[in-house]
Amino acid sequence: MVVGTGKYTNTNEAFPLDRKTLNQIFVRSFFADASHNGETGSSAGWCWALLPGLKQIHKNEEDLALSMGHELEYVSAASPMATLAMGVTLALEQQKCDLETIRSARTVASAAADSFGTALFDYVIVPVSAVGCCSLAANGNIAGVLLYFAVLAVLSVLLRYVMLYYGYSKGTRAAESLCRHKDALKQGARMAGIFMLGAMTFLFIRGLQPDMYLPNNYQMVSFADALESVLPGLLPLGMLGIIWHMLTKKNRSLLMCVLLLLAVGMLGALLGLFGGFFISPLHLPWLNL
């Protein structure tokens, strides 16, 4: 692994990067995590993404090689907010700060951006987008699926663009501000995501009432009607309790909870438990065939 050590020959502050160069870095940032590996993380893609800016900042070839060397150290660029750390790094490189300062700021900014960016997408953006598009997709409209992916793509692009320019304009102040409020922001994103997943679970399960019929005085009584008469909303309440237990007690991910809901839905459809939306291909004794 190449590690940059030493000092820059030219320590004069470079001219600010133009918008064209920053836009090139923005486009390259989408591929920064493509070279991820266990030893150096996303460092190869990270260095490649920053290269247009580094070439403008360091006209001296030795300084450019030194800068590229220490940019090849371990770094994570998986989150769309990684461009914030890229902007901070470029601002420090432009000021020709010493390598230890750049290295420390890059490490802290990339870790904070990756942590909060992952929480923001997993706990807020993905659940909110899913809730908004589920009603369309549930009715068999493919526009719901297309809209879901379109929303995620647009928000990812906007977040990358805004964070790059914000990090470059604010420098280390952007990283310090994010690190200061990182824990509170992560907790808020997690709570918002749990709330939205709970709402999605309730709305989905509420519409899937059991389509079972039970004999009662030689008549077939709907199990859903009997369940609603005893305690309305018991089924979605039970599913919410299971999801809450998995998230808070078992420390499971939102993906695991979503996969559980999908498994319950598929099994229920196969057994003919969810009428209205699904028709079971099996001839089961508890169905009113």
C-alpha atoms as a PDB file:
ATOM      1  CA  MET A   1       0.000   0.000   0.000  1.00  0.00           C
ATOM      2  CA  VAL A   2       1.334   3.432  -0.987  1.00  0.00           C
ATOM      3  CA  VAL A   3       1.412   5.908   1.872  1.00  0.00           C
ATOM      4  CA  GLY A   4       2.276   9.564   1.366  1.00  0.00           C
ATOM      5  CA  THR A   5       4.953  10.808   3.731  1.00  0.00           C
ATOM      6  CA  GLY A   6       6.932  14.021   3.756  1.00  0.00           C
ATOM      7  CA  LYS A   7       6.096  17.645   3.007  1.00  0.00           C
ATOM      8  CA  TYR A   8       4.980  19.526  -0.049  1.00  0.00           C
ATOM      9  CA  THR A   9       7.677  21.372  -1.971  1.00  0.00           C
ATOM     10  CA  ASN A  10       5.336  24.191  -2.987  1.00  0.00           C
ATOM     11  CA  THR A  11       3.473  25.379   0.113  1.00  0.00           C
ATOM     12  CA  ASN A  12       1.798  28.393  -1.505  1.00  0.00           C
ATOM     13  CA  GLU A  13      -1.987  28.244  -1.426  1.00  0.00           C
ATOM     14  CA  ALA A  14      -3.440  27.209  -4.793  1.00  0.00           C
ATOM     15  CA  PHE A  15      -6.190  28.959  -6.711  1.00  0.00           C
ATOM     16  CA  PRO A  16      -9.762  27.837  -5.890  1.00  0.00           C
ATOM     17  CA  LEU A  17     -11.100  25.010  -8.036  1.00  0.00           C
ATOM     18  CA  ASP A  18     -13.517  26.008 -10.774  1.00  0.00           C
ATOM     19  CA  ARG A  19     -17.031  24.623 -11.091  1.00  0.00           C
ATOM     20  CA  LYS A  20     -16.078  22.424 -14.054  1.00  0.00           C
ATOM     21  CA  THR A  21     -13.450  20.595 -12.004  1.00  0.00           C
ATOM     22  CA  LEU A  22     -15.793  20.153  -9.043  1.00  0.00           C
ATOM     23  CA  ASN A  23     -18.463  18.776 -11.365  1.00  0.00           C
ATOM     24  CA  GLN A  24     -15.949  16.246 -12.718  1.00  0.00           C
ATOM     25  CA  ILE A  25     -15.215  15.131  -9.153  1.00  0.00           C
ATOM     26  CA  PHE A  26     -18.960  14.930  -8.487  1.00  0.00           C
ATOM     27  CA  VAL A  27     -19.492  12.590 -11.465  1.00  0.00           C
ATOM     28  CA  ARG A  28     -16.502  10.446 -10.515  1.00  0.00           C
ATOM     29  CA  SER A  29     -17.758  10.125  -6.932  1.00  0.00           C
ATOM     30  CA  PHE A  30     -20.475   7.717  -8.131  1.00  0.00           C
ATOM     31  CA  PHE A  31     -17.737   5.175  -8.947  1.00  0.00           C
ATOM     32  CA  ALA A  32     -15.500   5.845  -5.936  1.00  0.00           C
ATOM     33  CA  ASP A  33     -16.654   2.732  -4.080  1.00  0.00           C
ATOM     34  CA  ALA A  34     -16.337   0.412  -7.086  1.00  0.00           C
ATOM     35  CA  SER A  35     -12.807  -0.616  -6.064  1.00  0.00           C
ATOM     36  CA  HIS A  36     -13.681  -1.397  -2.443  1.00  0.00           C
ATOM     37  CA  ASN A  37     -11.545  -4.068  -0.785  1.00  0.00           C
ATOM     38  CA  GLY A  38     -10.752  -5.173   2.734  1.00  0.00           C
ATOM     39  CA  GLU A  39      -7.244  -3.731   2.863  1.00  0.00           C
ATOM     40  CA  THR A  40      -7.580  -0.171   1.527  1.00  0.00           C
ATOM     41  CA  GLY A  41     -11.349   0.321   1.478  1.00  0.00           C
ATOM     42  CA  SER A  42     -12.409   2.661  -1.337  1.00  0.00           C
ATOM     43  CA  SER A  43      -9.053   4.438  -1.534  1.00  0.00           C
ATOM     44  CA  ALA A  44      -8.323   3.682  -5.209  1.00  0.00           C
ATOM     45  CA  GLY A  45     -11.681   5.014  -6.380  1.00  0.00           C
ATOM     46  CA  TRP A  46     -11.434   7.879  -3.888  1.00  0.00           C
ATOM     47  CA  CYS A  47      -8.061   8.988  -5.267  1.00  0.00           C
ATOM     48  CA  TRP A  48      -9.297   8.637  -8.857  1.00  0.00           C
ATOM     49  CA  ALA A  49     -12.350  10.781  -8.080  1.00  0.00           C
ATOM     50  CA  LEU A  50     -10.195  13.544  -6.546  1.00  0.00           C
ATOM     51  CA  LEU A  51      -7.560  13.429  -9.285  1.00  0.00           C
ATOM     52  CA  PRO A  52      -8.924  16.313 -11.446  1.00  0.00           C
ATOM     53  CA  GLY A  53      -8.782  18.616  -8.417  1.00  0.00           C
ATOM     54  CA  LEU A  54      -5.400  17.375  -7.219  1.00  0.00           C
ATOM     55  CA  LYS A  55      -3.883  18.002 -10.650  1.00  0.00           C
ATOM     56  CA  GLN A  56      -5.043  21.617 -10.568  1.00  0.00           C
ATOM     57  CA  ILE A  57      -3.848  22.148  -6.998  1.00  0.00           C
ATOM     58  CA  HIS A  58      -0.414  20.517  -7.322  1.00  0.00           C
ATOM     59  CA  LYS A  59       1.435  21.634 -10.440  1.00  0.00           C
ATOM     60  CA  ASN A  60       4.644  20.092  -9.094  1.00  0.00           C
ATOM     61  CA  GLU A  61       4.764  16.408 -10.070  1.00  0.00           C
ATOM     62  CA  GLU A  62       6.451  15.371  -6.822  1.00  0.00           C
ATOM     63  CA  ASP A  63       3.782  17.137  -4.776  1.00  0.00           C
ATOM     64  CA  LEU A  64       1.071  15.496  -6.884  1.00  0.00           C
ATOM     65  CA  ALA A  65       2.615  12.058  -6.348  1.00  0.00           C
ATOM     66  CA  LEU A  66       2.880  12.730  -2.604  1.00  0.00           C
ATOM     67  CA  SER A  67      -0.746  13.864  -2.453  1.00  0.00           C
ATOM     68  CA  MET A  68      -1.981  10.831  -4.403  1.00  0.00           C
ATOM     69  CA  GLY A  69       0.099   8.583  -2.163  1.00  0.00           C
ATOM     70  CA  HIS A  70      -1.566   9.627   1.082  1.00  0.00           C
ATOM     71  CA  GLU A  71      -5.017   9.698  -0.587  1.00  0.00           C
ATOM     72  CA  LEU A  72      -4.531   5.969  -1.228  1.00  0.00           C
ATOM     73  CA  GLU A  73      -4.735   5.222   2.483  1.00  0.00           C
ATOM     74  CA  TYR A  74      -7.796   3.499   3.862  1.00  0.00           C
ATOM     75  CA  VAL A  75     -11.040   5.459   3.421  1.00  0.00           C
ATOM     76  CA  SER A  76     -14.718   4.643   2.980  1.00  0.00           C
ATOM     77  CA  ALA A  77     -16.773   6.163   0.151  1.00  0.00           C
ATOM     78  CA  ALA A  78     -19.857   3.930   0.269  1.00  0.00           C
ATOM     79  CA  SER A  79     -22.300   6.605   1.426  1.00  0.00           C
ATOM     80  CA  PRO A  80     -23.646   9.369  -0.870  1.00  0.00           C
ATOM     81  CA  MET A  81     -22.470  11.811   1.806  1.00  0.00           C
ATOM     82  CA  ALA A  82     -18.852  10.778   1.175  1.00  0.00           C
ATOM     83  CA  THR A  83     -18.585  13.797  -1.117  1.00  0.00           C
ATOM     84  CA  LEU A  84     -18.637  15.958   2.023  1.00  0.00           C
ATOM     85  CA  ALA A  85     -15.301  14.421   3.046  1.00  0.00           C
ATOM     86  CA  MET A  86     -14.051  14.874  -0.518  1.00  0.00           C
ATOM     87  CA  GLY A  87     -14.863  18.574  -0.372  1.00  0.00           C
ATOM     88  CA  VAL A  88     -13.140  18.976   2.997  1.00  0.00           C
ATOM     89  CA  THR A  89     -10.048  17.159   1.704  1.00  0.00           C
ATOM     90  CA  LEU A  90      -9.864  19.335  -1.426  1.00  0.00           C
ATOM     91  CA  ALA A  91     -10.171  22.501   0.673  1.00  0.00           C
ATOM     92  CA  LEU A  92      -7.222  21.447   2.838  1.00  0.00           C
ATOM     93  CA  GLU A  93      -5.186  20.360  -0.169  1.00  0.00           C
ATOM     94  CA  GLN A  94      -5.793  23.760  -1.746  1.00  0.00           C
ATOM     95  CA  GLN A  95      -4.476  25.454   1.404  1.00  0.00           C
ATOM     96  CA  LYS A  96      -1.402  23.158   1.254  1.00  0.00           C
ATOM     97  CA  CYS A  97      -1.866  22.012   4.837  1.00  0.00           C
ATOM     98  CA  ASP A  98       0.567  19.478   6.249  1.00  0.00           C
ATOM     99  CA  LEU A  99      -0.221  15.848   5.482  1.00  0.00           C
ATOM    100  CA  GLU A 100      -1.055  14.894   9.059  1.00  0.00           C
ATOM    101  CA  THR A 101      -3.768  17.560   9.197  1.00  0.00           C
ATOM    102  CA  ILE A 102      -5.238  16.436   5.866  1.00  0.00           C
ATOM    103  CA  ARG A 103      -5.043  12.787   6.899  1.00  0.00           C
ATOM    104  CA  SER A 104      -6.798  13.410  10.220  1.00  0.00           C
ATOM    105  CA  ALA A 105      -9.528  15.583   8.688  1.00  0.00           C
ATOM    106  CA  ARG A 106     -10.143  13.074   5.892  1.00  0.00           C
ATOM    107  CA  THR A 107     -10.420  10.160   8.312  1.00  0.00           C
ATOM    108  CA  VAL A 108     -12.807  11.950  10.659  1.00  0.00           C
ATOM    109  CA  ALA A 109     -14.938  13.487   7.896  1.00  0.00           C
ATOM    110  CA  SER A 110     -15.259  10.256   5.895  1.00  0.00           C
ATOM    111  CA  ALA A 111     -16.158   8.202   8.976  1.00  0.00           C
ATOM    112  CA  ALA A 112     -18.778  10.712  10.125  1.00  0.00           C
ATOM    113  CA  ALA A 113     -20.237  11.133   6.632  1.00  0.00           C
ATOM    114  CA  ASP A 114     -20.386   7.368   6.071  1.00  0.00           C
ATOM    115  CA  SER A 115     -22.028   6.755   9.459  1.00  0.00           C
ATOM    116  CA  PHE A 116     -24.667   9.467   9.184  1.00  0.00           C
ATOM    117  CA  GLY A 117     -25.227   8.956   5.448  1.00  0.00           C
ATOM    118  CA  THR A 118     -25.960   5.275   5.957  1.00  0.00           C
ATOM    119  CA  ALA A 119     -28.376   6.051   8.802  1.00  0.00           C
ATOM    120  CA  LEU A 120     -30.092   8.759   6.744  1.00  0.00           C
ATOM    121  CA  PHE A 121     -30.687   6.464   3.767  1.00  0.00           C
ATOM    122  CA  ASP A 122     -31.504   3.256   5.657  1.00  0.00           C
ATOM    123  CA  TYR A 123     -33.714   4.764   8.351  1.00  0.00           C
ATOM    124  CA  VAL A 124     -35.363   7.750   6.660  1.00  0.00           C
ATOM    125  CA  ILE A 125     -35.130   8.019   2.872  1.00  0.00           C
ATOM    126  CA  VAL A 126     -35.718   4.348   2.022  1.00  0.00           C
ATOM    127  CA  PRO A 127     -38.688   3.802   4.421  1.00  0.00           C
ATOM    128  CA  VAL A 128     -40.354   7.117   3.521  1.00  0.00           C
ATOM    129  CA  SER A 129     -39.979   6.415  -0.206  1.00  0.00           C
ATOM    130  CA  ALA A 130     -41.333   2.898   0.276  1.00  0.00           C
ATOM    131  CA  VAL A 131     -44.382   4.132   2.189  1.00  0.00           C
ATOM    132  CA  GLY A 132     -45.140   6.707  -0.488  1.00  0.00           C
ATOM    133  CA  CYS A 133     -44.870   4.206  -3.357  1.00  0.00           C
ATOM    134  CA  CYS A 134     -46.407   1.116  -1.727  1.00  0.00           C
ATOM    135  CA  SER A 135     -50.003   2.185  -2.433  1.00  0.00           C
ATOM    136  CA  LEU A 136     -49.280   2.392  -6.168  1.00  0.00           C
ATOM    137  CA  ALA A 137     -47.362  -0.878  -6.293  1.00  0.00           C
ATOM    138  CA  ALA A 138     -49.963  -2.743  -4.190  1.00  0.00           C
ATOM    139  CA  ASN A 139     -52.587  -2.067  -6.861  1.00  0.00           C
ATOM    140  CA  GLY A 140     -50.401  -3.642  -9.518  1.00  0.00           C
ATOM    141  CA  ASN A 141     -49.195  -0.346 -10.967  1.00  0.00           C
ATOM    142  CA  ILE A 142     -45.569  -0.602 -12.083  1.00  0.00           C
ATOM    143  CA  ALA A 143     -45.277   3.175 -11.687  1.00  0.00           C
ATOM    144  CA  GLY A 144     -44.957   2.620  -7.943  1.00  0.00           C
ATOM    145  CA  VAL A 145     -41.771   0.584  -8.409  1.00  0.00           C
ATOM    146  CA  LEU A 146     -40.330   2.998 -10.979  1.00  0.00           C
ATOM    147  CA  LEU A 147     -41.154   5.993  -8.793  1.00  0.00           C
ATOM    148  CA  TYR A 148     -39.462   4.365  -5.795  1.00  0.00           C
ATOM    149  CA  PHE A 149     -36.165   3.898  -7.630  1.00  0.00           C
ATOM    150  CA  ALA A 150     -36.444   7.331  -9.264  1.00  0.00           C
ATOM    151  CA  VAL A 151     -36.857   9.051  -5.882  1.00  0.00           C
ATOM    152  CA  LEU A 152     -33.845   7.242  -4.413  1.00  0.00           C
ATOM    153  CA  ALA A 153     -31.721   8.069  -7.469  1.00  0.00           C
ATOM    154  CA  VAL A 154     -32.655  11.770  -7.465  1.00  0.00           C
ATOM    155  CA  LEU A 155     -32.063  12.170  -3.723  1.00  0.00           C
ATOM    156  CA  SER A 156     -28.710  10.379  -3.988  1.00  0.00           C
ATOM    157  CA  VAL A 157     -27.576  12.682  -6.807  1.00  0.00           C
ATOM    158  CA  LEU A 158     -28.707  15.833  -4.990  1.00  0.00           C
ATOM    159  CA  LEU A 159     -27.079  14.762  -1.733  1.00  0.00           C
ATOM    160  CA  ARG A 160     -23.755  14.054  -3.426  1.00  0.00           C
ATOM    161  CA  TYR A 161     -23.775  17.364  -5.287  1.00  0.00           C
ATOM    162  CA  VAL A 162     -24.757  19.540  -2.339  1.00  0.00           C
ATOM    163  CA  MET A 163     -22.360  17.853   0.101  1.00  0.00           C
ATOM    164  CA  LEU A 164     -19.379  18.218  -2.246  1.00  0.00           C
ATOM    165  CA  TYR A 165     -19.834  21.961  -2.637  1.00  0.00           C
ATOM    166  CA  TYR A 166     -20.687  22.422   1.047  1.00  0.00           C
ATOM    167  CA  GLY A 167     -17.611  20.516   2.202  1.00  0.00           C
ATOM    168  CA  TYR A 168     -15.349  22.407  -0.193  1.00  0.00           C
ATOM    169  CA  SER A 169     -16.707  25.835   0.779  1.00  0.00           C
ATOM    170  CA  LYS A 170     -16.706  25.227   4.553  1.00  0.00           C
ATOM    171  CA  GLY A 171     -13.581  23.083   4.837  1.00  0.00           C
ATOM    172  CA  THR A 172     -12.911  21.618   8.255  1.00  0.00           C
ATOM    173  CA  ARG A 173     -15.852  23.511   9.772  1.00  0.00           C
ATOM    174  CA  ALA A 174     -18.247  21.219   7.901  1.00  0.00           C
ATOM    175  CA  ALA A 175     -16.567  18.103   9.302  1.00  0.00           C
ATOM    176  CA  GLU A 176     -16.462  19.546  12.825  1.00  0.00           C
ATOM    177  CA  SER A 177     -20.157  20.439  12.712  1.00  0.00           C
ATOM    178  CA  LEU A 178     -21.128  16.966  11.483  1.00  0.00           C
ATOM    179  CA  CYS A 179     -18.974  15.224  14.083  1.00  0.00           C
ATOM    180  CA  ARG A 180     -20.387  17.395  16.868  1.00  0.00           C
ATOM    181  CA  HIS A 181     -23.983  16.423  16.098  1.00  0.00           C
ATOM    182  CA  LYS A 182     -23.355  12.967  14.597  1.00  0.00           C
ATOM    183  CA  ASP A 183     -24.835  10.907  17.450  1.00  0.00           C
ATOM    184  CA  ALA A 184     -27.945  13.065  17.765  1.00  0.00           C
ATOM    185  CA  LEU A 185     -28.518  13.019  13.996  1.00  0.00           C
ATOM    186  CA  LYS A 186     -28.082   9.243  13.820  1.00  0.00           C
ATOM    187  CA  GLN A 187     -30.513   8.705  16.682  1.00  0.00           C
ATOM    188  CA  GLY A 188     -33.063  11.019  15.095  1.00  0.00           C
ATOM    189  CA  ALA A 189     -32.729   9.263  11.737  1.00  0.00           C
ATOM    190  CA  ARG A 190     -33.109   5.857  13.398  1.00  0.00           C
ATOM    191  CA  MET A 191     -36.242   6.903  15.307  1.00  0.00           C
ATOM    192  CA  ALA A 192     -37.786   8.436  12.187  1.00  0.00           C
ATOM    193  CA  GLY A 193     -37.059   5.247  10.245  1.00  0.00           C
ATOM    194  CA  ILE A 194     -38.626   3.044  12.938  1.00  0.00           C
ATOM    195  CA  PHE A 195     -41.719   5.279  12.946  1.00  0.00           C
ATOM    196  CA  MET A 196     -42.070   5.091   9.159  1.00  0.00           C
ATOM    197  CA  LEU A 197     -41.521   1.318   9.115  1.00  0.00           C
ATOM    198  CA  GLY A 198     -44.191   0.971  11.794  1.00  0.00           C
ATOM    199  CA  ALA A 199     -46.623   3.063   9.748  1.00  0.00           C
ATOM    200  CA  MET A 200     -45.863   1.037   6.629  1.00  0.00           C
ATOM    201  CA  THR A 201     -46.330  -2.223   8.526  1.00  0.00           C
ATOM    202  CA  PHE A 202     -49.640  -1.103  10.022  1.00  0.00           C
ATOM    203  CA  LEU A 203     -51.061   0.088   6.700  1.00  0.00           C
ATOM    204  CA  PHE A 204     -49.940  -3.040   4.885  1.00  0.00           C
ATOM    205  CA  ILE A 205     -51.099  -5.587   7.458  1.00  0.00           C
ATOM    206  CA  ARG A 206     -54.329  -3.661   8.089  1.00  0.00           C
ATOM    207  CA  GLY A 207     -55.362  -4.269   4.496  1.00  0.00           C
ATOM    208  CA  LEU A 208     -54.542  -7.994   4.620  1.00  0.00           C
ATOM    209  CA  GLN A 209     -57.222  -9.460   6.825  1.00  0.00           C
ATOM    210  CA  PRO A 210     -57.232 -13.265   7.240  1.00  0.00           C
ATOM    211  CA  ASP A 211     -59.582 -14.893   4.729  1.00  0.00           C
ATOM    212  CA  MET A 212     -60.317 -17.900   6.956  1.00  0.00           C
ATOM    213  CA  TYR A 213     -63.806 -19.173   7.745  1.00  0.00           C
ATOM    214  CA  LEU A 214     -64.729 -21.087  10.889  1.00  0.00           C
ATOM    215  CA  PRO A 215     -67.813 -23.255  11.445  1.00  0.00           C
ATOM    216  CA  ASN A 216     -70.325 -21.822  13.955  1.00  0.00           C
ATOM    217  CA  ASN A 217     -73.764 -23.404  14.389  1.00  0.00           C
ATOM    218  CA  TYR A 218     -73.576 -24.929  10.924  1.00  0.00           C
ATOM    219  CA  GLN A 219     -72.572 -21.577   9.440  1.00  0.00           C
ATOM    220  CA  MET A 220     -69.221 -20.354   8.185  1.00  0.00           C
ATOM    221  CA  VAL A 221     -68.080 -17.301  10.134  1.00  0.00           C
ATOM    222  CA  SER A 222     -65.314 -15.047   8.865  1.00  0.00           C
ATOM    223  CA  PHE A 223     -62.266 -15.235  11.120  1.00  0.00           C
ATOM    224  CA  ALA A 224     -61.401 -11.629  10.218  1.00  0.00           C
ATOM    225  CA  ASP A 225     -64.796 -10.365  11.418  1.00  0.00           C
ATOM    226  CA  ALA A 226     -64.490 -12.361  14.636  1.00  0.00           C
ATOM    227  CA  LEU A 227     -60.990 -11.018  15.236  1.00  0.00           C
ATOM    228  CA  GLU A 228     -62.045  -7.421  14.604  1.00  0.00           C
ATOM    229  CA  SER A 229     -64.994  -7.746  16.974  1.00  0.00           C
ATOM    230  CA  VAL A 230     -62.711  -8.914  19.797  1.00  0.00           C
ATOM    231  CA  LEU A 231     -59.863  -6.437  19.331  1.00  0.00           C
ATOM    232  CA  PRO A 232     -59.705  -4.237  16.217  1.00  0.00           C
ATOM    233  CA  GLY A 233     -56.227  -3.998  14.716  1.00  0.00           C
ATOM    234  CA  LEU A 234     -54.865  -7.004  16.628  1.00  0.00           C
ATOM    235  CA  LEU A 235     -52.980  -8.431  13.629  1.00  0.00           C
ATOM    236  CA  PRO A 236     -51.091  -5.228  12.695  1.00  0.00           C
ATOM    237  CA  LEU A 237     -50.447  -4.566  16.387  1.00  0.00           C
ATOM    238  CA  GLY A 238     -48.863  -7.991  16.753  1.00  0.00           C
ATOM    239  CA  MET A 239     -46.664  -7.470  13.697  1.00  0.00           C
ATOM    240  CA  LEU A 240     -45.598  -4.066  14.998  1.00  0.00           C
ATOM    241  CA  GLY A 241     -44.652  -5.681  18.292  1.00  0.00           C
ATOM    242  CA  ILE A 242     -42.494  -8.252  16.488  1.00  0.00           C
ATOM    243  CA  ILE A 243     -40.776  -5.545  14.405  1.00  0.00           C
ATOM    244  CA  TRP A 244     -40.169  -3.400  17.478  1.00  0.00           C
ATOM    245  CA  HIS A 245     -38.690  -6.377  19.335  1.00  0.00           C
ATOM    246  CA  MET A 246     -36.350  -7.174  16.433  1.00  0.00           C
ATOM    247  CA  LEU A 247     -35.149  -3.576  16.106  1.00  0.00           C
ATOM    248  CA  THR A 248     -34.735  -2.687  19.774  1.00  0.00           C
ATOM    249  CA  LYS A 249     -34.053  -5.967  21.573  1.00  0.00           C
ATOM    250  CA  LYS A 250     -32.417  -8.131  18.928  1.00  0.00           C
ATOM    251  CA  ASN A 251     -30.662  -5.214  17.175  1.00  0.00           C
ATOM    252  CA  ARG A 252     -31.731  -6.452  13.727  1.00  0.00           C
ATOM    253  CA  SER A 253     -31.487  -4.270  10.645  1.00  0.00           C
ATOM    254  CA  LEU A 254     -34.393  -2.708   8.773  1.00  0.00           C
ATOM    255  CA  LEU A 255     -33.603  -4.987   5.831  1.00  0.00           C
ATOM    256  CA  MET A 256     -34.113  -8.038   8.032  1.00  0.00           C
ATOM    257  CA  CYS A 257     -37.495  -6.668   9.178  1.00  0.00           C
ATOM    258  CA  VAL A 258     -38.596  -5.981   5.603  1.00  0.00           C
ATOM    259  CA  LEU A 259     -37.566  -9.502   4.562  1.00  0.00           C
ATOM    260  CA  LEU A 260     -39.604 -10.872   7.474  1.00  0.00           C
ATOM    261  CA  LEU A 261     -42.682  -8.961   6.282  1.00  0.00           C
ATOM    262  CA  LEU A 262     -42.164 -10.291   2.757  1.00  0.00           C
ATOM    263  CA  ALA A 263     -41.846 -13.844   4.055  1.00  0.00           C
ATOM    264  CA  VAL A 264     -45.036 -13.505   6.121  1.00  0.00           C
ATOM    265  CA  GLY A 265     -46.888 -12.059   3.153  1.00  0.00           C
ATOM    266  CA  MET A 266     -45.752 -14.785   0.742  1.00  0.00           C
ATOM    267  CA  LEU A 267     -46.520 -17.589   3.199  1.00  0.00           C
ATOM    268  CA  GLY A 268     -49.905 -16.078   4.022  1.00  0.00           C
ATOM    269  CA  ALA A 269     -50.760 -15.780   0.318  1.00  0.00           C
ATOM    270  CA  LEU A 270     -49.784 -19.401  -0.299  1.00  0.00           C
ATOM    271  CA  LEU A 271     -51.919 -20.622   2.604  1.00  0.00           C
ATOM    272  CA  GLY A 272     -54.835 -18.470   1.534  1.00  0.00           C
ATOM    273  CA  LEU A 273     -54.804 -16.311   4.666  1.00  0.00           C
ATOM    274  CA  PHE A 274     -54.891 -12.950   2.883  1.00  0.00           C
ATOM    275  CA  GLY A 275     -57.984 -12.592   0.784  1.00  0.00           C
ATOM    276  CA  GLY A 276     -58.849  -9.733  -1.507  1.00  0.00           C
ATOM    277  CA  PHE A 277     -55.330  -9.084  -2.781  1.00  0.00           C
ATOM    278  CA  PHE A 278     -54.252 -12.696  -3.248  1.00  0.00           C
ATOM    279  CA  ILE A 279     -55.997 -15.889  -4.304  1.00  0.00           C
ATOM    280  CA  SER A 280     -54.422 -19.060  -2.987  1.00  0.00           C
ATOM    281  CA  PRO A 281     -53.773 -21.771  -5.608  1.00  0.00           C
ATOM    282  CA  LEU A 282     -54.310 -24.414  -2.913  1.00  0.00           C
ATOM    283  CA  HIS A 283     -57.666 -25.924  -1.947  1.00  0.00           C
ATOM    284  CA  LEU A 284     -57.482 -25.641   1.819  1.00  0.00           C
ATOM    285  CA  PRO A 285     -60.285 -26.627   4.271  1.00  0.00           C
ATOM    286  CA  TRP A 286     -60.445 -23.233   5.995  1.00  0.00           C
ATOM    287  CA  LEU A 287     -61.158 -21.320   2.779  1.00  0.00           C
ATOM    288  CA  ASN A 288     -64.737 -20.586   1.730  1.00  0.00           C
ATOM    289  CA  LEU A 289     -64.404 -22.157  -1.715  1.00  0.00           C
END
